[in-house]
Amino acid sequence: MSWSSLMKMMTEAYCSMSEIKKLKIELWNLTVKESDKVEKYTGGLPDSIQGNVMSARLKTLQEAIELANDLMDQKVRAYAARKANNKIKMDNKRQT
């Protein structure tokens, strides 16, 4: 019997797929440092937000997510305010 056959039989007999998935997730969390997670997360952010989050040198992924969300909210609010101001200006020009 080959090693792979033996491993397959033992896995089927003693480990459910849900247990294997849990173990893989647990192993991933142990092997990946928190700073690596933060770096990977910030790498996917828009450039304008990425620089601010990276310069904050946050230690946990949760902190990085919260800061990025706050910055994105500010950006969206500023964009909406600019659009509203432009619309008011256009309406005023039409009325004169």
Protein backbone atom coordinates (compact mmCIF):
# COMPACT_ATOMS: atom_id res chain seq x y z
CA MET A 1 0.00 0.00 0.00
CA SER A 2 1.34 3.44 -0.89
CA TRP A 3 1.76 6.26 1.62
CA SER A 4 -0.84 8.43 -0.15
CA SER A 5 -3.38 5.59 -0.04
CA LEU A 6 -2.77 5.07 3.67
CA MET A 7 -3.09 8.82 4.34
CA LYS A 8 -6.34 8.98 2.39
CA MET A 9 -7.81 6.03 4.30
CA MET A 10 -6.78 7.48 7.67
CA THR A 11 -8.13 10.92 6.78
CA GLU A 12 -11.47 9.47 5.73
CA ALA A 13 -11.67 7.34 8.86
CA TYR A 14 -10.56 9.86 11.49
CA CYS A 15 -11.04 13.39 10.15
CA SER A 16 -14.20 14.95 8.79
CA MET A 17 -13.89 17.60 6.08
CA SER A 18 -15.15 20.28 8.48
CA GLU A 19 -12.38 19.38 10.94
CA ILE A 20 -9.77 19.54 8.19
CA LYS A 21 -11.04 22.98 7.12
CA LYS A 22 -10.89 24.21 10.72
CA LEU A 23 -7.34 22.93 11.07
CA LYS A 24 -6.27 24.60 7.80
CA ILE A 25 -7.72 27.94 8.95
CA GLU A 26 -6.06 27.59 12.33
CA LEU A 27 -2.73 26.73 10.74
CA TRP A 28 -3.03 29.69 8.35
CA ASN A 29 -3.73 32.05 11.25
CA LEU A 30 -0.71 30.75 13.14
CA THR A 31 1.71 31.00 10.25
CA VAL A 32 0.72 34.41 8.92
CA LYS A 33 1.86 37.30 11.09
CA GLU A 34 -0.61 40.06 11.84
CA SER A 35 1.68 42.60 10.19
CA ASP A 36 1.61 40.53 6.99
CA LYS A 37 -2.19 40.55 7.07
CA VAL A 38 -2.22 44.35 7.49
CA GLU A 39 0.24 44.75 4.62
CA LYS A 40 -1.79 42.50 2.34
CA TYR A 41 -5.01 44.35 3.20
CA THR A 42 -3.55 47.81 2.64
CA GLY A 43 -2.13 46.69 -0.70
CA GLY A 44 -5.66 46.40 -2.06
CA LEU A 45 -6.80 49.86 -0.98
CA PRO A 46 -7.03 52.89 -3.30
CA ASP A 47 -3.74 54.83 -3.42
CA SER A 48 -5.08 57.90 -1.61
CA ILE A 49 -6.24 55.80 1.35
CA GLN A 50 -3.42 53.26 1.21
CA GLY A 51 -0.76 55.86 2.03
CA ASN A 52 -2.65 57.12 5.07
CA VAL A 53 -3.30 53.64 6.45
CA MET A 54 0.30 52.53 5.89
CA SER A 55 1.73 55.67 7.51
CA ALA A 56 -0.36 55.01 10.64
CA ARG A 57 1.70 51.81 11.20
CA LEU A 58 -1.19 49.93 12.73
CA LYS A 59 -0.49 46.66 14.45
CA THR A 60 -3.72 44.74 13.88
CA LEU A 61 -5.82 44.05 10.83
CA GLN A 62 -8.94 45.25 12.67
CA GLU A 63 -7.36 48.68 13.29
CA ALA A 64 -6.38 48.95 9.62
CA ILE A 65 -9.90 48.06 8.48
CA GLU A 66 -11.49 50.60 10.83
CA LEU A 67 -9.14 53.38 9.71
CA ALA A 68 -9.66 52.56 6.03
CA ASN A 69 -13.44 52.60 6.52
CA ASP A 70 -13.27 55.99 8.28
CA LEU A 71 -11.11 57.44 5.52
CA MET A 72 -13.38 56.06 2.82
CA ASP A 73 -16.43 57.56 4.56
CA GLN A 74 -14.69 60.96 4.68
CA LYS A 75 -13.83 60.69 1.01
CA VAL A 76 -17.41 59.81 0.05
CA ARG A 77 -18.82 62.66 2.16
CA ALA A 78 -16.41 65.16 0.58
CA TYR A 79 -17.32 63.93 -2.91
CA ALA A 80 -21.05 64.25 -2.16
CA ALA A 81 -20.55 67.78 -0.78
CA ARG A 82 -18.59 68.80 -3.89
CA LYS A 83 -21.30 67.41 -6.16
CA ALA A 84 -23.99 69.26 -4.19
CA ASN A 85 -22.02 72.54 -4.40
CA ASN A 86 -21.54 72.12 -8.14
CA LYS A 87 -25.25 71.46 -8.58
CA ILE A 88 -26.15 74.60 -6.60
CA LYS A 89 -23.74 76.66 -8.71
CA MET A 90 -25.23 75.28 -11.92
CA ASP A 91 -28.77 75.98 -10.71
CA ASN A 92 -27.79 79.55 -9.78
CA LYS A 93 -26.27 80.14 -13.22
CA ARG A 94 -29.43 78.90 -14.91
CA GLN A 95 -31.61 81.23 -12.85
CA THR A 96 -29.60 84.37 -13.71
